Amino acid sequence: MSFGVKNKPPTYQKRLTKTLRKYLENFMMIFLDDFTMYNDMESHLQKLRLCFQKCRGYNISLNLDKCAFMVFLGMNLGFIVSKEGKLPNPKKIQAIVNMPPLMNANKFKYSLGSHSFIHVL
């Protein structure tokens, strides 16, 4: 892929999507140059093998330094993902968590900014 830095991730995503189309929304999701597999432990190794065979067949290489296998909790697109679902990254919401409570309506309106369309009675 010699399309330059700007086009490389979307081109790779297009290639992965075409290659792994039958697995998408079944047990795999792709975003740019990352893909995530989700399934139960019993079938995980079998589905990994299917994915690896497809990648090998289409000459798609994976960077093992960026791979994580058989994890129960991980980061994906800024979220913490587990079998319970996805949660926001605590580092990303720290400013909101540490914000002091708003005591009256005027402070609330001010915190939303001057272009707020919310009317507080």
PDB file of N, CA and C in Angstrom:
ATOM      1  N   MET A   1       0.840  -1.188   0.000  1.00  0.00           N
ATOM      2  CA  MET A   1       0.000   0.000   0.000  1.00  0.00           C
ATOM      3  C   MET A   1       0.879   1.243   0.000  1.00  0.00           C
ATOM      4  N   SER A   2       1.068   1.837  -1.105  1.00  0.00           N
ATOM      5  CA  SER A   2       1.897   3.029  -1.180  1.00  0.00           C
ATOM      6  C   SER A   2       1.050   4.255  -1.502  1.00  0.00           C
ATOM      7  N   PHE A   3       0.010   4.487  -0.719  1.00  0.00           N
ATOM      8  CA  PHE A   3      -0.891   5.600  -0.970  1.00  0.00           C
ATOM      9  C   PHE A   3      -0.597   6.789  -0.072  1.00  0.00           C
ATOM     10  N   GLY A   4       0.415   6.746   0.727  1.00  0.00           N
ATOM     11  CA  GLY A   4       0.738   7.835   1.627  1.00  0.00           C
ATOM     12  C   GLY A   4       0.083   7.633   2.977  1.00  0.00           C
ATOM     13  N   VAL A   5       0.491   8.452   3.936  1.00  0.00           N
ATOM     14  CA  VAL A   5       0.039   8.311   5.316  1.00  0.00           C
ATOM     15  C   VAL A   5      -1.459   8.577   5.449  1.00  0.00           C
ATOM     16  N   LYS A   6      -1.999   9.552   4.723  1.00  0.00           N
ATOM     17  CA  LYS A   6      -3.406   9.925   4.874  1.00  0.00           C
ATOM     18  C   LYS A   6      -4.367   8.826   4.431  1.00  0.00           C
ATOM     19  N   ASN A   7      -4.037   8.095   3.419  1.00  0.00           N
ATOM     20  CA  ASN A   7      -4.955   7.103   2.863  1.00  0.00           C
ATOM     21  C   ASN A   7      -4.741   5.687   3.378  1.00  0.00           C
ATOM     22  N   LYS A   8      -3.683   5.475   4.121  1.00  0.00           N
ATOM     23  CA  LYS A   8      -3.361   4.111   4.521  1.00  0.00           C
ATOM     24  C   LYS A   8      -4.419   3.473   5.431  1.00  0.00           C
ATOM     25  N   PRO A   9      -4.842   4.110   6.552  1.00  0.00           N
ATOM     26  CA  PRO A   9      -5.847   3.454   7.401  1.00  0.00           C
ATOM     27  C   PRO A   9      -7.182   3.171   6.700  1.00  0.00           C
ATOM     28  N   PRO A  10      -7.762   4.136   5.940  1.00  0.00           N
ATOM     29  CA  PRO A  10      -9.023   3.801   5.263  1.00  0.00           C
ATOM     30  C   PRO A  10      -8.863   2.718   4.197  1.00  0.00           C
ATOM     31  N   THR A  11      -7.722   2.704   3.521  1.00  0.00           N
ATOM     32  CA  THR A  11      -7.480   1.679   2.507  1.00  0.00           C
ATOM     33  C   THR A  11      -7.356   0.311   3.169  1.00  0.00           C
ATOM     34  N   TYR A  12      -6.664   0.272   4.309  1.00  0.00           N
ATOM     35  CA  TYR A  12      -6.514  -0.984   5.050  1.00  0.00           C
ATOM     36  C   TYR A  12      -7.880  -1.450   5.558  1.00  0.00           C
ATOM     37  N   GLN A  13      -8.708  -0.505   6.048  1.00  0.00           N
ATOM     38  CA  GLN A  13     -10.039  -0.882   6.524  1.00  0.00           C
ATOM     39  C   GLN A  13     -10.871  -1.466   5.386  1.00  0.00           C
ATOM     40  N   LYS A  14     -10.805  -0.857   4.226  1.00  0.00           N
ATOM     41  CA  LYS A  14     -11.555  -1.353   3.075  1.00  0.00           C
ATOM     42  C   LYS A  14     -11.115  -2.778   2.727  1.00  0.00           C
ATOM     43  N   ARG A  15      -9.814  -3.001   2.773  1.00  0.00           N
ATOM     44  CA  ARG A  15      -9.270  -4.334   2.477  1.00  0.00           C
ATOM     45  C   ARG A  15      -9.709  -5.352   3.524  1.00  0.00           C
ATOM     46  N   LEU A  16      -9.630  -4.961   4.807  1.00  0.00           N
ATOM     47  CA  LEU A  16     -10.069  -5.865   5.875  1.00  0.00           C
ATOM     48  C   LEU A  16     -11.564  -6.149   5.769  1.00  0.00           C
ATOM     49  N   THR A  17     -12.352  -5.113   5.502  1.00  0.00           N
ATOM     50  CA  THR A  17     -13.798  -5.284   5.391  1.00  0.00           C
ATOM     51  C   THR A  17     -14.144  -6.250   4.266  1.00  0.00           C
ATOM     52  N   LYS A  18     -13.475  -6.108   3.140  1.00  0.00           N
ATOM     53  CA  LYS A  18     -13.724  -7.001   2.007  1.00  0.00           C
ATOM     54  C   LYS A  18     -13.303  -8.431   2.340  1.00  0.00           C
ATOM     55  N   THR A  19     -12.159  -8.561   2.988  1.00  0.00           N
ATOM     56  CA  THR A  19     -11.625  -9.881   3.314  1.00  0.00           C
ATOM     57  C   THR A  19     -12.454 -10.595   4.380  1.00  0.00           C
ATOM     58  N   LEU A  20     -12.861  -9.861   5.411  1.00  0.00           N
ATOM     59  CA  LEU A  20     -13.514 -10.476   6.568  1.00  0.00           C
ATOM     60  C   LEU A  20     -15.017 -10.202   6.611  1.00  0.00           C
ATOM     61  N   ARG A  21     -15.613  -9.854   5.482  1.00  0.00           N
ATOM     62  CA  ARG A  21     -17.026  -9.467   5.407  1.00  0.00           C
ATOM     63  C   ARG A  21     -17.954 -10.472   6.079  1.00  0.00           C
ATOM     64  N   LYS A  22     -17.704 -11.737   5.883  1.00  0.00           N
ATOM     65  CA  LYS A  22     -18.609 -12.764   6.409  1.00  0.00           C
ATOM     66  C   LYS A  22     -18.564 -12.838   7.942  1.00  0.00           C
ATOM     67  N   TYR A  23     -17.514 -12.315   8.558  1.00  0.00           N
ATOM     68  CA  TYR A  23     -17.388 -12.357  10.017  1.00  0.00           C
ATOM     69  C   TYR A  23     -17.888 -11.078  10.702  1.00  0.00           C
ATOM     70  N   LEU A  24     -18.028 -10.008   9.934  1.00  0.00           N
ATOM     71  CA  LEU A  24     -18.432  -8.726  10.518  1.00  0.00           C
ATOM     72  C   LEU A  24     -19.844  -8.818  11.080  1.00  0.00           C
ATOM     73  N   GLU A  25     -20.056  -8.166  12.185  1.00  0.00           N
ATOM     74  CA  GLU A  25     -21.330  -8.155  12.916  1.00  0.00           C
ATOM     75  C   GLU A  25     -21.721  -9.540  13.416  1.00  0.00           C
ATOM     76  N   ASN A  26     -20.931 -10.546  13.126  1.00  0.00           N
ATOM     77  CA  ASN A  26     -21.168 -11.877  13.663  1.00  0.00           C
ATOM     78  C   ASN A  26     -20.313 -12.074  14.906  1.00  0.00           C
ATOM     79  N   PHE A  27     -19.007 -11.831  14.766  1.00  0.00           N
ATOM     80  CA  PHE A  27     -18.123 -11.897  15.924  1.00  0.00           C
ATOM     81  C   PHE A  27     -16.932 -10.961  15.782  1.00  0.00           C
ATOM     82  N   MET A  28     -17.030  -9.989  14.869  1.00  0.00           N
ATOM     83  CA  MET A  28     -15.890  -9.114  14.626  1.00  0.00           C
ATOM     84  C   MET A  28     -16.363  -7.729  14.203  1.00  0.00           C
ATOM     85  N   MET A  29     -15.598  -6.701  14.606  1.00  0.00           N
ATOM     86  CA  MET A  29     -15.853  -5.335  14.169  1.00  0.00           C
ATOM     87  C   MET A  29     -14.538  -4.721  13.721  1.00  0.00           C
ATOM     88  N   ILE A  30     -14.604  -3.849  12.710  1.00  0.00           N
ATOM     89  CA  ILE A  30     -13.409  -3.204  12.167  1.00  0.00           C
ATOM     90  C   ILE A  30     -13.589  -1.697  12.234  1.00  0.00           C
ATOM     91  N   PHE A  31     -12.552  -1.003  12.688  1.00  0.00           N
ATOM     92  CA  PHE A  31     -12.523   0.456  12.644  1.00  0.00           C
ATOM     93  C   PHE A  31     -11.138   0.880  12.184  1.00  0.00           C
ATOM     94  N   LEU A  32     -11.070   1.452  10.994  1.00  0.00           N
ATOM     95  CA  LEU A  32      -9.829   1.855  10.348  1.00  0.00           C
ATOM     96  C   LEU A  32      -8.840   0.701  10.325  1.00  0.00           C
ATOM     97  N   ASP A  33      -7.750   0.783  11.086  1.00  0.00           N
ATOM     98  CA  ASP A  33      -6.764  -0.297  11.013  1.00  0.00           C
ATOM     99  C   ASP A  33      -6.786  -1.187  12.249  1.00  0.00           C
ATOM    100  N   ASP A  34      -7.891  -1.153  12.998  1.00  0.00           N
ATOM    101  CA  ASP A  34      -8.051  -2.016  14.174  1.00  0.00           C
ATOM    102  C   ASP A  34      -9.249  -2.928  13.972  1.00  0.00           C
ATOM    103  N   PHE A  35      -9.136  -4.145  14.456  1.00  0.00           N
ATOM    104  CA  PHE A  35     -10.333  -4.970  14.499  1.00  0.00           C
ATOM    105  C   PHE A  35     -10.408  -5.697  15.825  1.00  0.00           C
ATOM    106  N   THR A  36     -11.636  -5.938  16.238  1.00  0.00           N
ATOM    107  CA  THR A  36     -11.924  -6.550  17.523  1.00  0.00           C
ATOM    108  C   THR A  36     -12.794  -7.768  17.293  1.00  0.00           C
ATOM    109  N   MET A  37     -12.480  -8.833  17.997  1.00  0.00           N
ATOM    110  CA  MET A  37     -13.296 -10.041  17.946  1.00  0.00           C
ATOM    111  C   MET A  37     -13.952 -10.229  19.298  1.00  0.00           C
ATOM    112  N   TYR A  38     -15.204 -10.614  19.276  1.00  0.00           N
ATOM    113  CA  TYR A  38     -15.939 -10.835  20.519  1.00  0.00           C
ATOM    114  C   TYR A  38     -16.719 -12.139  20.395  1.00  0.00           C
ATOM    115  N   ASN A  39     -16.608 -12.978  21.397  1.00  0.00           N
ATOM    116  CA  ASN A  39     -17.327 -14.242  21.410  1.00  0.00           C
ATOM    117  C   ASN A  39     -17.101 -14.936  22.735  1.00  0.00           C
ATOM    118  N   ASP A  40     -17.656 -16.105  22.873  1.00  0.00           N
ATOM    119  CA  ASP A  40     -17.476 -16.867  24.109  1.00  0.00           C
ATOM    120  C   ASP A  40     -16.163 -17.641  24.063  1.00  0.00           C
ATOM    121  N   MET A  41     -15.709 -18.073  25.212  1.00  0.00           N
ATOM    122  CA  MET A  41     -14.409 -18.737  25.311  1.00  0.00           C
ATOM    123  C   MET A  41     -14.362 -20.044  24.540  1.00  0.00           C
ATOM    124  N   GLU A  42     -15.480 -20.775  24.463  1.00  0.00           N
ATOM    125  CA  GLU A  42     -15.484 -22.073  23.804  1.00  0.00           C
ATOM    126  C   GLU A  42     -15.149 -21.950  22.316  1.00  0.00           C
ATOM    127  N   SER A  43     -15.646 -20.888  21.682  1.00  0.00           N
ATOM    128  CA  SER A  43     -15.437 -20.772  20.239  1.00  0.00           C
ATOM    129  C   SER A  43     -14.361 -19.756  19.862  1.00  0.00           C
ATOM    130  N   HIS A  44     -13.740 -19.132  20.846  1.00  0.00           N
ATOM    131  CA  HIS A  44     -12.782 -18.062  20.553  1.00  0.00           C
ATOM    132  C   HIS A  44     -11.590 -18.550  19.720  1.00  0.00           C
ATOM    133  N   LEU A  45     -10.991 -19.641  20.109  1.00  0.00           N
ATOM    134  CA  LEU A  45      -9.827 -20.149  19.366  1.00  0.00           C
ATOM    135  C   LEU A  45     -10.192 -20.543  17.937  1.00  0.00           C
ATOM    136  N   GLN A  46     -11.360 -21.137  17.771  1.00  0.00           N
ATOM    137  CA  GLN A  46     -11.811 -21.515  16.428  1.00  0.00           C
ATOM    138  C   GLN A  46     -11.992 -20.263  15.559  1.00  0.00           C
ATOM    139  N   LYS A  47     -12.575 -19.201  16.107  1.00  0.00           N
ATOM    140  CA  LYS A  47     -12.807 -17.982  15.338  1.00  0.00           C
ATOM    141  C   LYS A  47     -11.502 -17.232  15.077  1.00  0.00           C
ATOM    142  N   LEU A  48     -10.574 -17.286  16.024  1.00  0.00           N
ATOM    143  CA  LEU A  48      -9.251 -16.716  15.776  1.00  0.00           C
ATOM    144  C   LEU A  48      -8.572 -17.425  14.607  1.00  0.00           C
ATOM    145  N   ARG A  49      -8.671 -18.756  14.594  1.00  0.00           N
ATOM    146  CA  ARG A  49      -8.069 -19.536  13.518  1.00  0.00           C
ATOM    147  C   ARG A  49      -8.675 -19.147  12.167  1.00  0.00           C
ATOM    148  N   LEU A  50     -10.005 -18.974  12.098  1.00  0.00           N
ATOM    149  CA  LEU A  50     -10.662 -18.551  10.859  1.00  0.00           C
ATOM    150  C   LEU A  50     -10.133 -17.197  10.395  1.00  0.00           C
ATOM    151  N   CYS A  51     -10.019 -16.271  11.345  1.00  0.00           N
ATOM    152  CA  CYS A  51      -9.533 -14.928  11.029  1.00  0.00           C
ATOM    153  C   CYS A  51      -8.093 -14.980  10.526  1.00  0.00           C
ATOM    154  N   PHE A  52      -7.244 -15.720  11.200  1.00  0.00           N
ATOM    155  CA  PHE A  52      -5.837 -15.831  10.799  1.00  0.00           C
ATOM    156  C   PHE A  52      -5.699 -16.478   9.418  1.00  0.00           C
ATOM    157  N   GLN A  53      -6.516 -17.481   9.149  1.00  0.00           N
ATOM    158  CA  GLN A  53      -6.459 -18.127   7.837  1.00  0.00           C
ATOM    159  C   GLN A  53      -6.849 -17.144   6.733  1.00  0.00           C
ATOM    160  N   LYS A  54      -7.891 -16.354   6.968  1.00  0.00           N
ATOM    161  CA  LYS A  54      -8.305 -15.351   5.977  1.00  0.00           C
ATOM    162  C   LYS A  54      -7.200 -14.327   5.768  1.00  0.00           C
ATOM    163  N   CYS A  55      -6.628 -13.831   6.873  1.00  0.00           N
ATOM    164  CA  CYS A  55      -5.552 -12.835   6.757  1.00  0.00           C
ATOM    165  C   CYS A  55      -4.365 -13.412   5.993  1.00  0.00           C
ATOM    166  N   ARG A  56      -3.993 -14.645   6.302  1.00  0.00           N
ATOM    167  CA  ARG A  56      -2.877 -15.282   5.608  1.00  0.00           C
ATOM    168  C   ARG A  56      -3.200 -15.463   4.121  1.00  0.00           C
ATOM    169  N   GLY A  57      -4.428 -15.862   3.812  1.00  0.00           N
ATOM    170  CA  GLY A  57      -4.829 -16.072   2.430  1.00  0.00           C
ATOM    171  C   GLY A  57      -4.816 -14.800   1.595  1.00  0.00           C
ATOM    172  N   TYR A  58      -5.080 -13.658   2.239  1.00  0.00           N
ATOM    173  CA  TYR A  58      -5.091 -12.377   1.520  1.00  0.00           C
ATOM    174  C   TYR A  58      -3.828 -11.555   1.787  1.00  0.00           C
ATOM    175  N   ASN A  59      -2.830 -12.189   2.385  1.00  0.00           N
ATOM    176  CA  ASN A  59      -1.530 -11.558   2.636  1.00  0.00           C
ATOM    177  C   ASN A  59      -1.650 -10.301   3.501  1.00  0.00           C
ATOM    178  N   ILE A  60      -2.506 -10.369   4.522  1.00  0.00           N
ATOM    179  CA  ILE A  60      -2.660  -9.272   5.478  1.00  0.00           C
ATOM    180  C   ILE A  60      -1.843  -9.618   6.709  1.00  0.00           C
ATOM    181  N   SER A  61      -0.907  -8.734   7.064  1.00  0.00           N
ATOM    182  CA  SER A  61      -0.054  -9.017   8.221  1.00  0.00           C
ATOM    183  C   SER A  61      -0.565  -8.264   9.440  1.00  0.00           C
ATOM    184  N   LEU A  62      -0.347  -8.845  10.608  1.00  0.00           N
ATOM    185  CA  LEU A  62      -0.752  -8.262  11.881  1.00  0.00           C
ATOM    186  C   LEU A  62       0.497  -7.936  12.686  1.00  0.00           C
ATOM    187  N   ASN A  63       0.473  -6.824  13.385  1.00  0.00           N
ATOM    188  CA  ASN A  63       1.586  -6.430  14.244  1.00  0.00           C
ATOM    189  C   ASN A  63       1.355  -7.051  15.622  1.00  0.00           C
ATOM    190  N   LEU A  64       2.131  -8.061  15.965  1.00  0.00           N
ATOM    191  CA  LEU A  64       1.929  -8.772  17.232  1.00  0.00           C
ATOM    192  C   LEU A  64       2.131  -7.879  18.456  1.00  0.00           C
ATOM    193  N   ASP A  65       2.939  -6.814  18.323  1.00  0.00           N
ATOM    194  CA  ASP A  65       3.119  -5.892  19.449  1.00  0.00           C
ATOM    195  C   ASP A  65       1.832  -5.146  19.782  1.00  0.00           C
ATOM    196  N   LYS A  66       0.936  -5.031  18.815  1.00  0.00           N
ATOM    197  CA  LYS A  66      -0.324  -4.311  19.030  1.00  0.00           C
ATOM    198  C   LYS A  66      -1.505  -5.248  19.257  1.00  0.00           C
ATOM    199  N   CYS A  67      -1.263  -6.539  19.262  1.00  0.00           N
ATOM    200  CA  CYS A  67      -2.339  -7.522  19.432  1.00  0.00           C
ATOM    201  C   CYS A  67      -2.490  -7.914  20.898  1.00  0.00           C
ATOM    202  N   ALA A  68      -3.722  -8.168  21.281  1.00  0.00           N
ATOM    203  CA  ALA A  68      -4.023  -8.710  22.609  1.00  0.00           C
ATOM    204  C   ALA A  68      -5.011  -9.853  22.408  1.00  0.00           C
ATOM    205  N   PHE A  69      -4.680 -11.010  22.929  1.00  0.00           N
ATOM    206  CA  PHE A  69      -5.518 -12.186  22.733  1.00  0.00           C
ATOM    207  C   PHE A  69      -6.123 -12.636  24.050  1.00  0.00           C
ATOM    208  N   MET A  70      -7.340 -13.152  23.966  1.00  0.00           N
ATOM    209  CA  MET A  70      -8.024 -13.772  25.102  1.00  0.00           C
ATOM    210  C   MET A  70      -8.117 -12.831  26.308  1.00  0.00           C
ATOM    211  N   VAL A  71      -8.486 -11.588  26.091  1.00  0.00           N
ATOM    212  CA  VAL A  71      -8.634 -10.639  27.189  1.00  0.00           C
ATOM    213  C   VAL A  71     -10.105 -10.515  27.553  1.00  0.00           C
ATOM    214  N   PHE A  72     -10.367 -10.294  28.828  1.00  0.00           N
ATOM    215  CA  PHE A  72     -11.736 -10.146  29.315  1.00  0.00           C
ATOM    216  C   PHE A  72     -12.122  -8.676  29.475  1.00  0.00           C
ATOM    217  N   LEU A  73     -11.115  -7.803  29.446  1.00  0.00           N
ATOM    218  CA  LEU A  73     -11.325  -6.373  29.615  1.00  0.00           C
ATOM    219  C   LEU A  73     -10.271  -5.661  28.792  1.00  0.00           C
ATOM    220  N   GLY A  74     -10.684  -4.704  27.979  1.00  0.00           N
ATOM    221  CA  GLY A  74      -9.710  -4.020  27.147  1.00  0.00           C
ATOM    222  C   GLY A  74     -10.178  -2.643  26.725  1.00  0.00           C
ATOM    223  N   MET A  75      -9.242  -1.875  26.174  1.00  0.00           N
ATOM    224  CA  MET A  75      -9.544  -0.543  25.662  1.00  0.00           C
ATOM    225  C   MET A  75      -9.806  -0.635  24.167  1.00  0.00           C
ATOM    226  N   ASN A  76     -10.882   0.017  23.723  1.00  0.00           N
ATOM    227  CA  ASN A  76     -11.199   0.056  22.304  1.00  0.00           C
ATOM    228  C   ASN A  76     -11.889   1.371  21.999  1.00  0.00           C
ATOM    229  N   LEU A  77     -11.247   2.206  21.172  1.00  0.00           N
ATOM    230  CA  LEU A  77     -11.798   3.496  20.763  1.00  0.00           C
ATOM    231  C   LEU A  77     -12.155   4.382  21.954  1.00  0.00           C
ATOM    232  N   GLY A  78     -11.327   4.356  22.993  1.00  0.00           N
ATOM    233  CA  GLY A  78     -11.537   5.225  24.142  1.00  0.00           C
ATOM    234  C   GLY A  78     -12.508   4.688  25.176  1.00  0.00           C
ATOM    235  N   PHE A  79     -13.008   3.491  24.977  1.00  0.00           N
ATOM    236  CA  PHE A  79     -13.926   2.879  25.933  1.00  0.00           C
ATOM    237  C   PHE A  79     -13.284   1.649  26.546  1.00  0.00           C
ATOM    238  N   ILE A  80     -13.711   1.326  27.750  1.00  0.00           N
ATOM    239  CA  ILE A  80     -13.328   0.075  28.390  1.00  0.00           C
ATOM    240  C   ILE A  80     -14.410  -0.933  28.017  1.00  0.00           C
ATOM    241  N   VAL A  81     -14.008  -2.013  27.366  1.00  0.00           N
ATOM    242  CA  VAL A  81     -14.964  -2.996  26.856  1.00  0.00           C
ATOM    243  C   VAL A  81     -14.780  -4.303  27.621  1.00  0.00           C
ATOM    244  N   SER A  82     -15.903  -4.860  28.070  1.00  0.00           N
ATOM    245  CA  SER A  82     -15.884  -6.151  28.761  1.00  0.00           C
ATOM    246  C   SER A  82     -17.168  -6.888  28.406  1.00  0.00           C
ATOM    247  N   LYS A  83     -17.368  -8.054  28.994  1.00  0.00           N
ATOM    248  CA  LYS A  83     -18.585  -8.809  28.692  1.00  0.00           C
ATOM    249  C   LYS A  83     -19.831  -8.111  29.231  1.00  0.00           C
ATOM    250  N   GLU A  84     -19.662  -7.204  30.178  1.00  0.00           N
ATOM    251  CA  GLU A  84     -20.788  -6.439  30.702  1.00  0.00           C
ATOM    252  C   GLU A  84     -21.200  -5.297  29.766  1.00  0.00           C
ATOM    253  N   GLY A  85     -20.337  -4.944  28.828  1.00  0.00           N
ATOM    254  CA  GLY A  85     -20.630  -3.855  27.900  1.00  0.00           C
ATOM    255  C   GLY A  85     -19.464  -2.892  27.816  1.00  0.00           C
ATOM    256  N   LYS A  86     -19.753  -1.655  27.399  1.00  0.00           N
ATOM    257  CA  LYS A  86     -18.675  -0.666  27.304  1.00  0.00           C
ATOM    258  C   LYS A  86     -18.924   0.462  28.287  1.00  0.00           C
ATOM    259  N   LEU A  87     -17.835   0.945  28.859  1.00  0.00           N
ATOM    260  CA  LEU A  87     -17.853   2.035  29.827  1.00  0.00           C
ATOM    261  C   LEU A  87     -16.877   3.101  29.371  1.00  0.00           C
ATOM    262  N   PRO A  88     -17.139   4.361  29.718  1.00  0.00           N
ATOM    263  CA  PRO A  88     -16.171   5.398  29.351  1.00  0.00           C
ATOM    264  C   PRO A  88     -14.878   5.228  30.134  1.00  0.00           C
ATOM    265  N   ASN A  89     -13.795   5.643  29.532  1.00  0.00           N
ATOM    266  CA  ASN A  89     -12.487   5.605  30.180  1.00  0.00           C
ATOM    267  C   ASN A  89     -12.495   6.608  31.331  1.00  0.00           C
ATOM    268  N   PRO A  90     -12.202   6.196  32.568  1.00  0.00           N
ATOM    269  CA  PRO A  90     -12.227   7.120  33.705  1.00  0.00           C
ATOM    270  C   PRO A  90     -11.315   8.334  33.519  1.00  0.00           C
ATOM    271  N   LYS A  91     -10.215   8.180  32.808  1.00  0.00           N
ATOM    272  CA  LYS A  91      -9.321   9.315  32.566  1.00  0.00           C
ATOM    273  C   LYS A  91      -9.997  10.377  31.711  1.00  0.00           C
ATOM    274  N   LYS A  92     -10.891   9.957  30.811  1.00  0.00           N
ATOM    275  CA  LYS A  92     -11.553  10.889  29.904  1.00  0.00           C
ATOM    276  C   LYS A  92     -12.668  11.682  30.581  1.00  0.00           C
ATOM    277  N   ILE A  93     -13.236  11.153  31.656  1.00  0.00           N
ATOM    278  CA  ILE A  93     -14.356  11.831  32.304  1.00  0.00           C
ATOM    279  C   ILE A  93     -13.981  12.432  33.660  1.00  0.00           C
ATOM    280  N   GLN A  94     -12.695  12.469  33.972  1.00  0.00           N
ATOM    281  CA  GLN A  94     -12.233  12.948  35.266  1.00  0.00           C
ATOM    282  C   GLN A  94     -12.656  14.395  35.535  1.00  0.00           C
ATOM    283  N   ALA A  95     -12.611  15.272  34.535  1.00  0.00           N
ATOM    284  CA  ALA A  95     -12.989  16.674  34.730  1.00  0.00           C
ATOM    285  C   ALA A  95     -14.453  16.791  35.131  1.00  0.00           C
ATOM    286  N   ILE A  96     -15.299  15.968  34.549  1.00  0.00           N
ATOM    287  CA  ILE A  96     -16.728  16.007  34.889  1.00  0.00           C
ATOM    288  C   ILE A  96     -16.955  15.444  36.287  1.00  0.00           C
ATOM    289  N   VAL A  97     -16.268  14.367  36.620  1.00  0.00           N
ATOM    290  CA  VAL A  97     -16.419  13.752  37.941  1.00  0.00           C
ATOM    291  C   VAL A  97     -15.958  14.714  39.042  1.00  0.00           C
ATOM    292  N   ASN A  98     -14.881  15.461  38.784  1.00  0.00           N
ATOM    293  CA  ASN A  98     -14.329  16.371  39.793  1.00  0.00           C
ATOM    294  C   ASN A  98     -14.998  17.743  39.816  1.00  0.00           C
ATOM    295  N   MET A  99     -15.944  17.992  38.927  1.00  0.00           N
ATOM    296  CA  MET A  99     -16.603  19.286  38.862  1.00  0.00           C
ATOM    297  C   MET A  99     -17.437  19.513  40.136  1.00  0.00           C
ATOM    298  N   PRO A 100     -17.341  20.706  40.739  1.00  0.00           N
ATOM    299  CA  PRO A 100     -18.131  20.955  41.944  1.00  0.00           C
ATOM    300  C   PRO A 100     -19.622  21.001  41.605  1.00  0.00           C
ATOM    301  N   PRO A 101     -20.468  20.666  42.568  1.00  0.00           N
ATOM    302  CA  PRO A 101     -21.907  20.682  42.301  1.00  0.00           C
ATOM    303  C   PRO A 101     -22.388  22.111  42.012  1.00  0.00           C
ATOM    304  N   LEU A 102     -23.335  22.222  41.109  1.00  0.00           N
ATOM    305  CA  LEU A 102     -23.905  23.523  40.757  1.00  0.00           C
ATOM    306  C   LEU A 102     -25.055  23.821  41.726  1.00  0.00           C
ATOM    307  N   MET A 103     -24.988  24.980  42.378  1.00  0.00           N
ATOM    308  CA  MET A 103     -25.926  25.271  43.449  1.00  0.00           C
ATOM    309  C   MET A 103     -27.200  25.981  42.988  1.00  0.00           C
ATOM    310  N   ASN A 104     -27.150  26.687  41.861  1.00  0.00           N
ATOM    311  CA  ASN A 104     -28.360  27.372  41.426  1.00  0.00           C
ATOM    312  C   ASN A 104     -28.462  27.376  39.900  1.00  0.00           C
ATOM    313  N   ALA A 105     -29.585  27.877  39.406  1.00  0.00           N
ATOM    314  CA  ALA A 105     -29.876  27.838  37.979  1.00  0.00           C
ATOM    315  C   ALA A 105     -28.906  28.686  37.176  1.00  0.00           C
ATOM    316  N   ASN A 106     -28.497  29.849  37.701  1.00  0.00           N
ATOM    317  CA  ASN A 106     -27.589  30.719  36.958  1.00  0.00           C
ATOM    318  C   ASN A 106     -26.227  30.053  36.758  1.00  0.00           C
ATOM    319  N   LYS A 107     -25.714  29.373  37.786  1.00  0.00           N
ATOM    320  CA  LYS A 107     -24.442  28.657  37.647  1.00  0.00           C
ATOM    321  C   LYS A 107     -24.570  27.524  36.633  1.00  0.00           C
ATOM    322  N   PHE A 108     -25.730  26.887  36.618  1.00  0.00           N
ATOM    323  CA  PHE A 108     -25.972  25.818  35.660  1.00  0.00           C
ATOM    324  C   PHE A 108     -25.947  26.365  34.238  1.00  0.00           C
ATOM    325  N   LYS A 109     -26.649  27.459  33.999  1.00  0.00           N
ATOM    326  CA  LYS A 109     -26.670  28.076  32.669  1.00  0.00           C
ATOM    327  C   LYS A 109     -25.270  28.520  32.262  1.00  0.00           C
ATOM    328  N   TYR A 110     -24.518  29.091  33.209  1.00  0.00           N
ATOM    329  CA  TYR A 110     -23.157  29.552  32.917  1.00  0.00           C
ATOM    330  C   TYR A 110     -22.259  28.382  32.540  1.00  0.00           C
ATOM    331  N   SER A 111     -22.435  27.252  33.196  1.00  0.00           N
ATOM    332  CA  SER A 111     -21.591  26.087  32.907  1.00  0.00           C
ATOM    333  C   SER A 111     -21.866  25.524  31.517  1.00  0.00           C
ATOM    334  N   LEU A 112     -23.067  25.753  30.984  1.00  0.00           N
ATOM    335  CA  LEU A 112     -23.399  25.273  29.649  1.00  0.00           C
ATOM    336  C   LEU A 112     -22.865  26.183  28.556  1.00  0.00           C
ATOM    337  N   GLY A 113     -22.505  27.394  28.915  1.00  0.00           N
ATOM    338  CA  GLY A 113     -21.989  28.345  27.932  1.00  0.00           C
ATOM    339  C   GLY A 113     -23.039  29.371  27.552  1.00  0.00           C
ATOM    340  N   SER A 114     -22.600  30.441  26.939  1.00  0.00           N
ATOM    341  CA  SER A 114     -23.505  31.550  26.632  1.00  0.00           C
ATOM    342  C   SER A 114     -24.458  31.233  25.487  1.00  0.00           C
ATOM    343  N   HIS A 115     -24.174  30.197  24.692  1.00  0.00           N
ATOM    344  CA  HIS A 115     -25.027  29.869  23.555  1.00  0.00           C
ATOM    345  C   HIS A 115     -25.990  28.742  23.880  1.00  0.00           C
ATOM    346  N   SER A 116     -26.307  28.571  25.140  1.00  0.00           N
ATOM    347  CA  SER A 116     -27.193  27.490  25.542  1.00  0.00           C
ATOM    348  C   SER A 116     -28.631  27.821  25.166  1.00  0.00           C
ATOM    349  N   PHE A 117     -29.350  26.804  24.711  1.00  0.00           N
ATOM    350  CA  PHE A 117     -30.753  26.963  24.367  1.00  0.00           C
ATOM    351  C   PHE A 117     -31.647  26.435  25.471  1.00  0.00           C
ATOM    352  N   ILE A 118     -31.082  26.074  26.597  1.00  0.00           N
ATOM    353  CA  ILE A 118     -31.874  25.555  27.706  1.00  0.00           C
ATOM    354  C   ILE A 118     -32.340  26.726  28.556  1.00  0.00           C
ATOM    355  N   HIS A 119     -33.631  26.772  28.795  1.00  0.00           N
ATOM    356  CA  HIS A 119     -34.203  27.821  29.637  1.00  0.00           C
ATOM    357  C   HIS A 119     -34.432  27.249  31.027  1.00  0.00           C
ATOM    358  N   VAL A 120     -33.869  27.899  32.005  1.00  0.00           N
ATOM    359  CA  VAL A 120     -34.012  27.459  33.387  1.00  0.00           C
ATOM    360  C   VAL A 120     -34.992  28.384  34.068  1.00  0.00           C
ATOM    361  N   LEU A 121     -36.003  27.820  34.680  1.00  0.00           N
ATOM    362  CA  LEU A 121     -37.017  28.631  35.371  1.00  0.00           C
ATOM    363  C   LEU A 121     -36.571  29.039  36.745  1.00  0.00           C
TER     364      LEU A 121
END
